[in-house]
Amino acid sequence: MALGRILSGDPSKRSKLYLVIGGLSLVKAIAVRNDRNRFRRELVDAGLFIGVGIALRKYSQLKDEKRAEIESQVPDWAISAATSPAAKQGVRTVAKRRLGSEPEPEPSLRDRARGVISN
């Protein structure tokens, strides 16, 4: 599984999923403890899933801490201005232009005339 796909979405929910799968794999390893090779494979699987689950949990905590830190530094008036519908639409428009998914609008005759006069 790609690292970006693991980290996308809600890492705290994914961490729980990986921890549960790791726990089940550990139980399965205990169930097949008489077969050495299979026992080792199940233990390795359990260790990997539990390790990824713990790492995702730490990542989720770090992400929440950073978000809270950034939000505490932003003034309340800026948050209310940024959450207005007009501001959201403006940010989306700029992002689309920068990412190239929306072409730049063609300048009007008036804009071209102003550009020529200003230069």
PDB file of N, CA and C in Angstrom:
ATOM      1  N   MET A   1       0.843  -1.169   0.000  1.00  0.00           N
ATOM      2  CA  MET A   1       0.000   0.000   0.000  1.00  0.00           C
ATOM      3  C   MET A   1       0.893   1.238   0.000  1.00  0.00           C
ATOM      4  N   ALA A   2       0.549   2.223  -0.788  1.00  0.00           N
ATOM      5  CA  ALA A   2       1.343   3.437  -0.905  1.00  0.00           C
ATOM      6  C   ALA A   2       1.243   4.253   0.381  1.00  0.00           C
ATOM      7  N   LEU A   3       2.347   4.920   0.711  1.00  0.00           N
ATOM      8  CA  LEU A   3       2.403   5.702   1.942  1.00  0.00           C
ATOM      9  C   LEU A   3       1.377   6.833   1.920  1.00  0.00           C
ATOM     10  N   GLY A   4       1.227   7.496   0.777  1.00  0.00           N
ATOM     11  CA  GLY A   4       0.255   8.577   0.669  1.00  0.00           C
ATOM     12  C   GLY A   4      -1.159   8.099   0.920  1.00  0.00           C
ATOM     13  N   ARG A   5      -1.464   6.903   0.468  1.00  0.00           N
ATOM     14  CA  ARG A   5      -2.800   6.354   0.669  1.00  0.00           C
ATOM     15  C   ARG A   5      -3.028   5.990   2.133  1.00  0.00           C
ATOM     16  N   ILE A   6      -1.986   5.527   2.810  1.00  0.00           N
ATOM     17  CA  ILE A   6      -2.105   5.210   4.232  1.00  0.00           C
ATOM     18  C   ILE A   6      -2.358   6.474   5.035  1.00  0.00           C
ATOM     19  N   LEU A   7      -1.662   7.563   4.681  1.00  0.00           N
ATOM     20  CA  LEU A   7      -1.756   8.804   5.442  1.00  0.00           C
ATOM     21  C   LEU A   7      -2.973   9.640   5.081  1.00  0.00           C
ATOM     22  N   SER A   8      -3.659   9.309   3.982  1.00  0.00           N
ATOM     23  CA  SER A   8      -4.836  10.076   3.597  1.00  0.00           C
ATOM     24  C   SER A   8      -6.018   9.686   4.481  1.00  0.00           C
ATOM     25  N   GLY A   9      -7.023  10.522   4.466  1.00  0.00           N
ATOM     26  CA  GLY A   9      -8.190  10.246   5.280  1.00  0.00           C
ATOM     27  C   GLY A   9      -7.925  10.582   6.736  1.00  0.00           C
ATOM     28  N   ASP A  10      -8.577   9.879   7.626  1.00  0.00           N
ATOM     29  CA  ASP A  10      -8.424  10.107   9.055  1.00  0.00           C
ATOM     30  C   ASP A  10      -7.428   9.094   9.608  1.00  0.00           C
ATOM     31  N   PRO A  11      -6.198   9.547   9.942  1.00  0.00           N
ATOM     32  CA  PRO A  11      -5.188   8.594  10.414  1.00  0.00           C
ATOM     33  C   PRO A  11      -5.562   7.917  11.730  1.00  0.00           C
ATOM     34  N   SER A  12      -6.354   8.560  12.567  1.00  0.00           N
ATOM     35  CA  SER A  12      -6.706   7.918  13.835  1.00  0.00           C
ATOM     36  C   SER A  12      -7.622   6.708  13.596  1.00  0.00           C
ATOM     37  N   LYS A  13      -8.544   6.815  12.628  1.00  0.00           N
ATOM     38  CA  LYS A  13      -9.413   5.674  12.311  1.00  0.00           C
ATOM     39  C   LYS A  13      -8.603   4.554  11.670  1.00  0.00           C
ATOM     40  N   ARG A  14      -7.693   4.938  10.776  1.00  0.00           N
ATOM     41  CA  ARG A  14      -6.862   3.926  10.126  1.00  0.00           C
ATOM     42  C   ARG A  14      -5.944   3.245  11.135  1.00  0.00           C
ATOM     43  N   SER A  15      -5.467   3.996  12.131  1.00  0.00           N
ATOM     44  CA  SER A  15      -4.579   3.395  13.125  1.00  0.00           C
ATOM     45  C   SER A  15      -5.330   2.322  13.902  1.00  0.00           C
ATOM     46  N   LYS A  16      -6.584   2.595  14.236  1.00  0.00           N
ATOM     47  CA  LYS A  16      -7.386   1.600  14.950  1.00  0.00           C
ATOM     48  C   LYS A  16      -7.565   0.350  14.100  1.00  0.00           C
ATOM     49  N   LEU A  17      -7.809   0.547  12.822  1.00  0.00           N
ATOM     50  CA  LEU A  17      -7.975  -0.583  11.910  1.00  0.00           C
ATOM     51  C   LEU A  17      -6.717  -1.441  11.863  1.00  0.00           C
ATOM     52  N   TYR A  18      -5.553  -0.792  11.729  1.00  0.00           N
ATOM     53  CA  TYR A  18      -4.300  -1.535  11.671  1.00  0.00           C
ATOM     54  C   TYR A  18      -3.999  -2.237  12.997  1.00  0.00           C
ATOM     55  N   LEU A  19      -4.325  -1.597  14.108  1.00  0.00           N
ATOM     56  CA  LEU A  19      -4.107  -2.238  15.400  1.00  0.00           C
ATOM     57  C   LEU A  19      -5.003  -3.458  15.573  1.00  0.00           C
ATOM     58  N   VAL A  20      -6.237  -3.369  15.114  1.00  0.00           N
ATOM     59  CA  VAL A  20      -7.152  -4.513  15.205  1.00  0.00           C
ATOM     60  C   VAL A  20      -6.656  -5.655  14.320  1.00  0.00           C
ATOM     61  N   ILE A  21      -6.233  -5.331  13.108  1.00  0.00           N
ATOM     62  CA  ILE A  21      -5.719  -6.374  12.209  1.00  0.00           C
ATOM     63  C   ILE A  21      -4.466  -7.011  12.810  1.00  0.00           C
ATOM     64  N   GLY A  22      -3.604  -6.200  13.401  1.00  0.00           N
ATOM     65  CA  GLY A  22      -2.410  -6.727  14.056  1.00  0.00           C
ATOM     66  C   GLY A  22      -2.756  -7.631  15.220  1.00  0.00           C
ATOM     67  N   GLY A  23      -3.763  -7.235  15.994  1.00  0.00           N
ATOM     68  CA  GLY A  23      -4.193  -8.080  17.111  1.00  0.00           C
ATOM     69  C   GLY A  23      -4.753  -9.407  16.638  1.00  0.00           C
ATOM     70  N   LEU A  24      -5.552  -9.352  15.582  1.00  0.00           N
ATOM     71  CA  LEU A  24      -6.093 -10.604  15.024  1.00  0.00           C
ATOM     72  C   LEU A  24      -4.984 -11.496  14.480  1.00  0.00           C
ATOM     73  N   SER A  25      -4.011 -10.877  13.865  1.00  0.00           N
ATOM     74  CA  SER A  25      -2.886 -11.651  13.340  1.00  0.00           C
ATOM     75  C   SER A  25      -2.074 -12.267  14.479  1.00  0.00           C
ATOM     76  N   LEU A  26      -1.972 -11.559  15.590  1.00  0.00           N
ATOM     77  CA  LEU A  26      -1.280 -12.095  16.757  1.00  0.00           C
ATOM     78  C   LEU A  26      -2.033 -13.288  17.333  1.00  0.00           C
ATOM     79  N   VAL A  27      -3.356 -13.179  17.394  1.00  0.00           N
ATOM     80  CA  VAL A  27      -4.176 -14.309  17.855  1.00  0.00           C
ATOM     81  C   VAL A  27      -4.014 -15.489  16.903  1.00  0.00           C
ATOM     82  N   LYS A  28      -3.969 -15.213  15.621  1.00  0.00           N
ATOM     83  CA  LYS A  28      -3.789 -16.270  14.622  1.00  0.00           C
ATOM     84  C   LYS A  28      -2.419 -16.930  14.782  1.00  0.00           C
ATOM     85  N   ALA A  29      -1.403 -16.131  15.099  1.00  0.00           N
ATOM     86  CA  ALA A  29      -0.062 -16.684  15.316  1.00  0.00           C
ATOM     87  C   ALA A  29      -0.067 -17.619  16.518  1.00  0.00           C
ATOM     88  N   ILE A  30      -0.777 -17.244  17.552  1.00  0.00           N
ATOM     89  CA  ILE A  30      -0.860 -18.105  18.736  1.00  0.00           C
ATOM     90  C   ILE A  30      -1.582 -19.404  18.391  1.00  0.00           C
ATOM     91  N   ALA A  31      -2.584 -19.299  17.513  1.00  0.00           N
ATOM     92  CA  ALA A  31      -3.351 -20.494  17.133  1.00  0.00           C
ATOM     93  C   ALA A  31      -2.513 -21.471  16.320  1.00  0.00           C
ATOM     94  N   VAL A  32      -1.552 -20.988  15.554  1.00  0.00           N
ATOM     95  CA  VAL A  32      -0.739 -21.878  14.705  1.00  0.00           C
ATOM     96  C   VAL A  32       0.690 -22.003  15.251  1.00  0.00           C
ATOM     97  N   ARG A  33       0.849 -21.893  16.558  1.00  0.00           N
ATOM     98  CA  ARG A  33       2.189 -21.885  17.148  1.00  0.00           C
ATOM     99  C   ARG A  33       2.955 -23.200  16.963  1.00  0.00           C
ATOM    100  N   ASN A  34       2.284 -24.276  16.632  1.00  0.00           N
ATOM    101  CA  ASN A  34       2.976 -25.553  16.428  1.00  0.00           C
ATOM    102  C   ASN A  34       3.713 -25.615  15.091  1.00  0.00           C
ATOM    103  N   ASP A  35       3.262 -24.846  14.109  1.00  0.00           N
ATOM    104  CA  ASP A  35       3.924 -24.788  12.803  1.00  0.00           C
ATOM    105  C   ASP A  35       4.886 -23.595  12.815  1.00  0.00           C
ATOM    106  N   ARG A  36       6.202 -23.880  12.899  1.00  0.00           N
ATOM    107  CA  ARG A  36       7.215 -22.829  13.082  1.00  0.00           C
ATOM    108  C   ARG A  36       7.187 -21.755  11.992  1.00  0.00           C
ATOM    109  N   ASN A  37       7.175 -22.172  10.724  1.00  0.00           N
ATOM    110  CA  ASN A  37       7.227 -21.200   9.621  1.00  0.00           C
ATOM    111  C   ASN A  37       5.995 -20.305   9.604  1.00  0.00           C
ATOM    112  N   ARG A  38       4.863 -20.917   9.731  1.00  0.00           N
ATOM    113  CA  ARG A  38       3.632 -20.131   9.712  1.00  0.00           C
ATOM    114  C   ARG A  38       3.539 -19.222  10.937  1.00  0.00           C
ATOM    115  N   PHE A  39       4.004 -19.707  12.080  1.00  0.00           N
ATOM    116  CA  PHE A  39       4.022 -18.911  13.305  1.00  0.00           C
ATOM    117  C   PHE A  39       4.878 -17.661  13.114  1.00  0.00           C
ATOM    118  N   ARG A  40       6.045 -17.832  12.516  1.00  0.00           N
ATOM    119  CA  ARG A  40       6.939 -16.688  12.264  1.00  0.00           C
ATOM    120  C   ARG A  40       6.293 -15.677  11.314  1.00  0.00           C
ATOM    121  N   ARG A  41       5.693 -16.190  10.237  1.00  0.00           N
ATOM    122  CA  ARG A  41       5.049 -15.281   9.279  1.00  0.00           C
ATOM    123  C   ARG A  41       3.933 -14.488   9.941  1.00  0.00           C
ATOM    124  N   GLU A  42       3.129 -15.158  10.742  1.00  0.00           N
ATOM    125  CA  GLU A  42       2.027 -14.473  11.423  1.00  0.00           C
ATOM    126  C   GLU A  42       2.550 -13.463  12.441  1.00  0.00           C
ATOM    127  N   LEU A  43       3.634 -13.796  13.128  1.00  0.00           N
ATOM    128  CA  LEU A  43       4.218 -12.843  14.071  1.00  0.00           C
ATOM    129  C   LEU A  43       4.765 -11.611  13.349  1.00  0.00           C
ATOM    130  N   VAL A  44       5.403 -11.836  12.201  1.00  0.00           N
ATOM    131  CA  VAL A  44       5.921 -10.713  11.414  1.00  0.00           C
ATOM    132  C   VAL A  44       4.768  -9.847  10.934  1.00  0.00           C
ATOM    133  N   ASP A  45       3.716 -10.472  10.425  1.00  0.00           N
ATOM    134  CA  ASP A  45       2.535  -9.721   9.988  1.00  0.00           C
ATOM    135  C   ASP A  45       1.941  -8.925  11.141  1.00  0.00           C
ATOM    136  N   ALA A  46       1.791  -9.563  12.281  1.00  0.00           N
ATOM    137  CA  ALA A  46       1.228  -8.885  13.449  1.00  0.00           C
ATOM    138  C   ALA A  46       2.105  -7.703  13.845  1.00  0.00           C
ATOM    139  N   GLY A  47       3.397  -7.899  13.855  1.00  0.00           N
ATOM    140  CA  GLY A  47       4.321  -6.822  14.213  1.00  0.00           C
ATOM    141  C   GLY A  47       4.242  -5.657  13.243  1.00  0.00           C
ATOM    142  N   LEU A  48       4.162  -5.966  11.955  1.00  0.00           N
ATOM    143  CA  LEU A  48       4.064  -4.898  10.956  1.00  0.00           C
ATOM    144  C   LEU A  48       2.766  -4.105  11.095  1.00  0.00           C
ATOM    145  N   PHE A  49       1.649  -4.807  11.237  1.00  0.00           N
ATOM    146  CA  PHE A  49       0.370  -4.115  11.363  1.00  0.00           C
ATOM    147  C   PHE A  49       0.305  -3.287  12.646  1.00  0.00           C
ATOM    148  N   ILE A  50       0.778  -3.850  13.739  1.00  0.00           N
ATOM    149  CA  ILE A  50       0.775  -3.102  14.997  1.00  0.00           C
ATOM    150  C   ILE A  50       1.720  -1.909  14.904  1.00  0.00           C
ATOM    151  N   GLY A  51       2.874  -2.087  14.275  1.00  0.00           N
ATOM    152  CA  GLY A  51       3.820  -0.981  14.102  1.00  0.00           C
ATOM    153  C   GLY A  51       3.236   0.151  13.265  1.00  0.00           C
ATOM    154  N   VAL A  52       2.575  -0.186  12.164  1.00  0.00           N
ATOM    155  CA  VAL A  52       1.951   0.837  11.323  1.00  0.00           C
ATOM    156  C   VAL A  52       0.815   1.512  12.086  1.00  0.00           C
ATOM    157  N   GLY A  53       0.056   0.741  12.859  1.00  0.00           N
ATOM    158  CA  GLY A  53      -1.026   1.319  13.654  1.00  0.00           C
ATOM    159  C   GLY A  53      -0.513   2.314  14.682  1.00  0.00           C
ATOM    160  N   ILE A  54       0.574   1.968  15.352  1.00  0.00           N
ATOM    161  CA  ILE A  54       1.161   2.885  16.341  1.00  0.00           C
ATOM    162  C   ILE A  54       1.726   4.123  15.650  1.00  0.00           C
ATOM    163  N   ALA A  55       2.387   3.931  14.516  1.00  0.00           N
ATOM    164  CA  ALA A  55       2.937   5.069  13.778  1.00  0.00           C
ATOM    165  C   ALA A  55       1.824   6.006  13.303  1.00  0.00           C
ATOM    166  N   LEU A  56       0.720   5.451  12.822  1.00  0.00           N
ATOM    167  CA  LEU A  56      -0.408   6.279  12.393  1.00  0.00           C
ATOM    168  C   LEU A  56      -1.037   7.020  13.563  1.00  0.00           C
ATOM    169  N   ARG A  57      -1.083   6.385  14.705  1.00  0.00           N
ATOM    170  CA  ARG A  57      -1.630   7.055  15.890  1.00  0.00           C
ATOM    171  C   ARG A  57      -0.749   8.241  16.283  1.00  0.00           C
ATOM    172  N   LYS A  58       0.580   8.044  16.258  1.00  0.00           N
ATOM    173  CA  LYS A  58       1.502   9.146  16.568  1.00  0.00           C
ATOM    174  C   LYS A  58       1.362  10.263  15.535  1.00  0.00           C
ATOM    175  N   TYR A  59       1.244   9.881  14.265  1.00  0.00           N
ATOM    176  CA  TYR A  59       1.073  10.866  13.193  1.00  0.00           C
ATOM    177  C   TYR A  59      -0.205  11.666  13.399  1.00  0.00           C
ATOM    178  N   SER A  60      -1.284  10.997  13.790  1.00  0.00           N
ATOM    179  CA  SER A  60      -2.553  11.664  14.034  1.00  0.00           C
ATOM    180  C   SER A  60      -2.436  12.653  15.188  1.00  0.00           C
ATOM    181  N   GLN A  61      -1.756  12.256  16.250  1.00  0.00           N
ATOM    182  CA  GLN A  61      -1.572  13.145  17.396  1.00  0.00           C
ATOM    183  C   GLN A  61      -0.732  14.351  17.006  1.00  0.00           C
ATOM    184  N   LEU A  62       0.333  14.119  16.258  1.00  0.00           N
ATOM    185  CA  LEU A  62       1.197  15.213  15.815  1.00  0.00           C
ATOM    186  C   LEU A  62       0.431  16.167  14.903  1.00  0.00           C
ATOM    187  N   LYS A  63      -0.373  15.621  14.008  1.00  0.00           N
ATOM    188  CA  LYS A  63      -1.187  16.432  13.094  1.00  0.00           C
ATOM    189  C   LYS A  63      -2.171  17.300  13.867  1.00  0.00           C
ATOM    190  N   ASP A  64      -2.821  16.723  14.880  1.00  0.00           N
ATOM    191  CA  ASP A  64      -3.769  17.483  15.692  1.00  0.00           C
ATOM    192  C   ASP A  64      -3.069  18.580  16.485  1.00  0.00           C
ATOM    193  N   GLU A  65      -1.894  18.275  17.013  1.00  0.00           N
ATOM    194  CA  GLU A  65      -1.133  19.282  17.765  1.00  0.00           C
ATOM    195  C   GLU A  65      -0.719  20.444  16.870  1.00  0.00           C
ATOM    196  N   LYS A  66      -0.232  20.134  15.685  1.00  0.00           N
ATOM    197  CA  LYS A  66       0.188  21.189  14.753  1.00  0.00           C
ATOM    198  C   LYS A  66      -1.003  22.041  14.315  1.00  0.00           C
ATOM    199  N   ARG A  67      -2.146  21.403  14.058  1.00  0.00           N
ATOM    200  CA  ARG A  67      -3.333  22.146  13.663  1.00  0.00           C
ATOM    201  C   ARG A  67      -3.766  23.085  14.794  1.00  0.00           C
ATOM    202  N   ALA A  68      -3.743  22.595  16.021  1.00  0.00           N
ATOM    203  CA  ALA A  68      -4.132  23.431  17.155  1.00  0.00           C
ATOM    204  C   ALA A  68      -3.142  24.582  17.341  1.00  0.00           C
ATOM    205  N   GLU A  69      -1.858  24.305  17.146  1.00  0.00           N
ATOM    206  CA  GLU A  69      -0.838  25.342  17.268  1.00  0.00           C
ATOM    207  C   GLU A  69      -1.033  26.439  16.224  1.00  0.00           C
ATOM    208  N   ILE A  70      -1.293  26.046  15.000  1.00  0.00           N
ATOM    209  CA  ILE A  70      -1.503  27.022  13.924  1.00  0.00           C
ATOM    210  C   ILE A  70      -2.777  27.818  14.172  1.00  0.00           C
ATOM    211  N   GLU A  71      -3.847  27.137  14.576  1.00  0.00           N
ATOM    212  CA  GLU A  71      -5.103  27.827  14.831  1.00  0.00           C
ATOM    213  C   GLU A  71      -4.999  28.790  16.005  1.00  0.00           C
ATOM    214  N   SER A  72      -4.163  28.480  16.981  1.00  0.00           N
ATOM    215  CA  SER A  72      -4.023  29.385  18.126  1.00  0.00           C
ATOM    216  C   SER A  72      -3.272  30.654  17.747  1.00  0.00           C
ATOM    217  N   GLN A  73      -2.489  30.621  16.688  1.00  0.00           N
ATOM    218  CA  GLN A  73      -1.719  31.786  16.270  1.00  0.00           C
ATOM    219  C   GLN A  73      -2.515  32.717  15.354  1.00  0.00           C
ATOM    220  N   VAL A  74      -3.597  32.234  14.793  1.00  0.00           N
ATOM    221  CA  VAL A  74      -4.397  33.036  13.868  1.00  0.00           C
ATOM    222  C   VAL A  74      -5.454  33.799  14.663  1.00  0.00           C
ATOM    223  N   PRO A  75      -5.585  35.109  14.418  1.00  0.00           N
ATOM    224  CA  PRO A  75      -6.607  35.876  15.141  1.00  0.00           C
ATOM    225  C   PRO A  75      -8.018  35.434  14.766  1.00  0.00           C
ATOM    226  N   ASP A  76      -8.960  35.673  15.690  1.00  0.00           N
ATOM    227  CA  ASP A  76     -10.348  35.252  15.480  1.00  0.00           C
ATOM    228  C   ASP A  76     -10.981  35.915  14.271  1.00  0.00           C
ATOM    229  N   TRP A  77     -10.682  37.192  14.025  1.00  0.00           N
ATOM    230  CA  TRP A  77     -11.282  37.888  12.887  1.00  0.00           C
ATOM    231  C   TRP A  77     -10.806  37.285  11.567  1.00  0.00           C
ATOM    232  N   ALA A  78      -9.564  36.779  11.532  1.00  0.00           N
ATOM    233  CA  ALA A  78      -9.066  36.167  10.305  1.00  0.00           C
ATOM    234  C   ALA A  78      -9.741  34.825  10.051  1.00  0.00           C
ATOM    235  N   ILE A  79     -10.019  34.097  11.120  1.00  0.00           N
ATOM    236  CA  ILE A  79     -10.700  32.806  10.970  1.00  0.00           C
ATOM    237  C   ILE A  79     -12.108  33.019  10.448  1.00  0.00           C
ATOM    238  N   SER A  80     -12.818  34.011  11.015  1.00  0.00           N
ATOM    239  CA  SER A  80     -14.190  34.251  10.553  1.00  0.00           C
ATOM    240  C   SER A  80     -14.205  34.757   9.115  1.00  0.00           C
ATOM    241  N   ALA A  81     -13.196  35.548   8.731  1.00  0.00           N
ATOM    242  CA  ALA A  81     -13.130  36.030   7.349  1.00  0.00           C
ATOM    243  C   ALA A  81     -12.792  34.899   6.390  1.00  0.00           C
ATOM    244  N   ALA A  82     -11.934  33.989   6.829  1.00  0.00           N
ATOM    245  CA  ALA A  82     -11.520  32.888   5.956  1.00  0.00           C
ATOM    246  C   ALA A  82     -12.597  31.828   5.804  1.00  0.00           C
ATOM    247  N   THR A  83     -13.516  31.748   6.747  1.00  0.00           N
ATOM    248  CA  THR A  83     -14.560  30.724   6.649  1.00  0.00           C
ATOM    249  C   THR A  83     -15.821  31.232   5.965  1.00  0.00           C
ATOM    250  N   SER A  84     -15.821  32.475   5.511  1.00  0.00           N
ATOM    251  CA  SER A  84     -16.991  32.990   4.799  1.00  0.00           C
ATOM    252  C   SER A  84     -17.078  32.328   3.421  1.00  0.00           C
ATOM    253  N   PRO A  85     -18.269  32.195   2.875  1.00  0.00           N
ATOM    254  CA  PRO A  85     -18.431  31.543   1.564  1.00  0.00           C
ATOM    255  C   PRO A  85     -17.666  32.245   0.443  1.00  0.00           C
ATOM    256  N   ALA A  86     -17.610  33.576   0.487  1.00  0.00           N
ATOM    257  CA  ALA A  86     -16.889  34.305  -0.566  1.00  0.00           C
ATOM    258  C   ALA A  86     -15.387  34.009  -0.507  1.00  0.00           C
ATOM    259  N   ALA A  87     -14.844  33.929   0.698  1.00  0.00           N
ATOM    260  CA  ALA A  87     -13.417  33.636   0.843  1.00  0.00           C
ATOM    261  C   ALA A  87     -13.109  32.211   0.374  1.00  0.00           C
ATOM    262  N   LYS A  88     -13.972  31.270   0.712  1.00  0.00           N
ATOM    263  CA  LYS A  88     -13.768  29.886   0.276  1.00  0.00           C
ATOM    264  C   LYS A  88     -13.766  29.790  -1.245  1.00  0.00           C
ATOM    265  N   GLN A  89     -14.702  30.479  -1.883  1.00  0.00           N
ATOM    266  CA  GLN A  89     -14.775  30.453  -3.344  1.00  0.00           C
ATOM    267  C   GLN A  89     -13.534  31.092  -3.950  1.00  0.00           C
ATOM    268  N   GLY A  90     -13.063  32.187  -3.359  1.00  0.00           N
ATOM    269  CA  GLY A  90     -11.849  32.841  -3.861  1.00  0.00           C
ATOM    270  C   GLY A  90     -10.631  31.946  -3.760  1.00  0.00           C
ATOM    271  N   VAL A  91     -10.500  31.241  -2.642  1.00  0.00           N
ATOM    272  CA  VAL A  91      -9.372  30.327  -2.464  1.00  0.00           C
ATOM    273  C   VAL A  91      -9.456  29.191  -3.475  1.00  0.00           C
ATOM    274  N   ARG A  92     -10.648  28.668  -3.695  1.00  0.00           N
ATOM    275  CA  ARG A  92     -10.810  27.587  -4.678  1.00  0.00           C
ATOM    276  C   ARG A  92     -10.423  28.050  -6.077  1.00  0.00           C
ATOM    277  N   THR A  93     -10.827  29.261  -6.438  1.00  0.00           N
ATOM    278  CA  THR A  93     -10.525  29.792  -7.761  1.00  0.00           C
ATOM    279  C   THR A  93      -9.023  29.953  -7.952  1.00  0.00           C
ATOM    280  N   VAL A  94      -8.362  30.522  -6.955  1.00  0.00           N
ATOM    281  CA  VAL A  94      -6.907  30.708  -7.044  1.00  0.00           C
ATOM    282  C   VAL A  94      -6.197  29.360  -7.109  1.00  0.00           C
ATOM    283  N   ALA A  95      -6.655  28.410  -6.305  1.00  0.00           N
ATOM    284  CA  ALA A  95      -6.030  27.084  -6.309  1.00  0.00           C
ATOM    285  C   ALA A  95      -6.203  26.397  -7.652  1.00  0.00           C
ATOM    286  N   LYS A  96      -7.381  26.510  -8.232  1.00  0.00           N
ATOM    287  CA  LYS A  96      -7.615  25.892  -9.538  1.00  0.00           C
ATOM    288  C   LYS A  96      -6.722  26.517 -10.604  1.00  0.00           C
ATOM    289  N   ARG A  97      -6.551  27.820 -10.545  1.00  0.00           N
ATOM    290  CA  ARG A  97      -5.682  28.483 -11.522  1.00  0.00           C
ATOM    291  C   ARG A  97      -4.242  28.041 -11.355  1.00  0.00           C
ATOM    292  N   ARG A  98      -3.791  27.975 -10.124  1.00  0.00           N
ATOM    293  CA  ARG A  98      -2.400  27.581  -9.872  1.00  0.00           C
ATOM    294  C   ARG A  98      -2.130  26.136 -10.265  1.00  0.00           C
ATOM    295  N   LEU A  99      -3.108  25.274 -10.030  1.00  0.00           N
ATOM    296  CA  LEU A  99      -2.941  23.864 -10.350  1.00  0.00           C
ATOM    297  C   LEU A  99      -3.206  23.573 -11.821  1.00  0.00           C
ATOM    298  N   GLY A 100      -3.717  24.553 -12.521  1.00  0.00           N
ATOM    299  CA  GLY A 100      -3.911  24.395 -13.954  1.00  0.00           C
ATOM    300  C   GLY A 100      -5.183  23.694 -14.347  1.00  0.00           C
ATOM    301  N   SER A 101      -6.074  23.435 -13.385  1.00  0.00           N
ATOM    302  CA  SER A 101      -7.306  22.754 -13.747  1.00  0.00           C
ATOM    303  C   SER A 101      -8.339  23.728 -14.315  1.00  0.00           C
ATOM    304  N   GLU A 102      -8.128  25.012 -14.111  1.00  0.00           N
ATOM    305  CA  GLU A 102      -9.019  26.012 -14.676  1.00  0.00           C
ATOM    306  C   GLU A 102      -8.153  27.020 -15.422  1.00  0.00           C
ATOM    307  N   PRO A 103      -8.390  27.216 -16.717  1.00  0.00           N
ATOM    308  CA  PRO A 103      -7.542  28.132 -17.468  1.00  0.00           C
ATOM    309  C   PRO A 103      -7.734  29.579 -17.009  1.00  0.00           C
ATOM    310  N   GLU A 104      -6.683  30.351 -17.172  1.00  0.00           N
ATOM    311  CA  GLU A 104      -6.746  31.774 -16.841  1.00  0.00           C
ATOM    312  C   GLU A 104      -7.781  32.433 -17.749  1.00  0.00           C
ATOM    313  N   PRO A 105      -8.594  33.321 -17.203  1.00  0.00           N
ATOM    314  CA  PRO A 105      -9.564  33.992 -18.066  1.00  0.00           C
ATOM    315  C   PRO A 105      -8.837  34.924 -19.041  1.00  0.00           C
ATOM    316  N   GLU A 106      -9.368  34.989 -20.221  1.00  0.00           N
ATOM    317  CA  GLU A 106      -8.790  35.857 -21.252  1.00  0.00           C
ATOM    318  C   GLU A 106      -9.013  37.313 -20.848  1.00  0.00           C
ATOM    319  N   PRO A 107      -7.958  38.156 -20.882  1.00  0.00           N
ATOM    320  CA  PRO A 107      -8.156  39.557 -20.488  1.00  0.00           C
ATOM    321  C   PRO A 107      -9.078  40.265 -21.485  1.00  0.00           C
ATOM    322  N   SER A 108      -9.912  41.129 -20.926  1.00  0.00           N
ATOM    323  CA  SER A 108     -10.852  41.864 -21.779  1.00  0.00           C
ATOM    324  C   SER A 108     -10.112  42.996 -22.489  1.00  0.00           C
ATOM    325  N   LEU A 109     -10.789  43.629 -23.416  1.00  0.00           N
ATOM    326  CA  LEU A 109     -10.210  44.748 -24.156  1.00  0.00           C
ATOM    327  C   LEU A 109      -9.841  45.869 -23.193  1.00  0.00           C
ATOM    328  N   ARG A 110     -10.684  46.108 -22.214  1.00  0.00           N
ATOM    329  CA  ARG A 110     -10.421  47.151 -21.226  1.00  0.00           C
ATOM    330  C   ARG A 110      -9.146  46.826 -20.431  1.00  0.00           C
ATOM    331  N   ASP A 111      -8.982  45.544 -20.015  1.00  0.00           N
ATOM    332  CA  ASP A 111      -7.786  45.148 -19.265  1.00  0.00           C
ATOM    333  C   ASP A 111      -6.524  45.302 -20.110  1.00  0.00           C
ATOM    334  N   ARG A 112      -6.612  44.927 -21.378  1.00  0.00           N
ATOM    335  CA  ARG A 112      -5.443  45.071 -22.259  1.00  0.00           C
ATOM    336  C   ARG A 112      -5.092  46.545 -22.459  1.00  0.00           C
ATOM    337  N   ALA A 113      -6.106  47.378 -22.603  1.00  0.00           N
ATOM    338  CA  ALA A 113      -5.855  48.824 -22.779  1.00  0.00           C
ATOM    339  C   ALA A 113      -5.212  49.404 -21.524  1.00  0.00           C
ATOM    340  N   ARG A 114      -5.686  49.017 -20.365  1.00  0.00           N
ATOM    341  CA  ARG A 114      -5.089  49.501 -19.123  1.00  0.00           C
ATOM    342  C   ARG A 114      -3.633  49.034 -18.998  1.00  0.00           C
ATOM    343  N   GLY A 115      -3.367  47.805 -19.400  1.00  0.00           N
ATOM    344  CA  GLY A 115      -2.004  47.292 -19.356  1.00  0.00           C
ATOM    345  C   GLY A 115      -1.071  48.063 -20.268  1.00  0.00           C
ATOM    346  N   VAL A 116      -1.546  48.419 -21.461  1.00  0.00           N
ATOM    347  CA  VAL A 116      -0.730  49.179 -22.408  1.00  0.00           C
ATOM    348  C   VAL A 116      -0.469  50.589 -21.873  1.00  0.00           C
ATOM    349  N   ILE A 117      -1.479  51.211 -21.293  1.00  0.00           N
ATOM    350  CA  ILE A 117      -1.333  52.562 -20.761  1.00  0.00           C
ATOM    351  C   ILE A 117      -0.405  52.576 -19.562  1.00  0.00           C
ATOM    352  N   SER A 118      -0.521  51.565 -18.691  1.00  0.00           N
ATOM    353  CA  SER A 118       0.299  51.540 -17.473  1.00  0.00           C
ATOM    354  C   SER A 118       1.774  51.256 -17.788  1.00  0.00           C
ATOM    355  N   ASN A 119       2.043  50.564 -18.873  1.00  0.00           N
ATOM    356  CA  ASN A 119       3.449  50.269 -19.228  1.00  0.00           C
ATOM    357  C   ASN A 119       4.008  51.439 -19.982  1.00  0.00           C
TER     358      ASN A 119
END
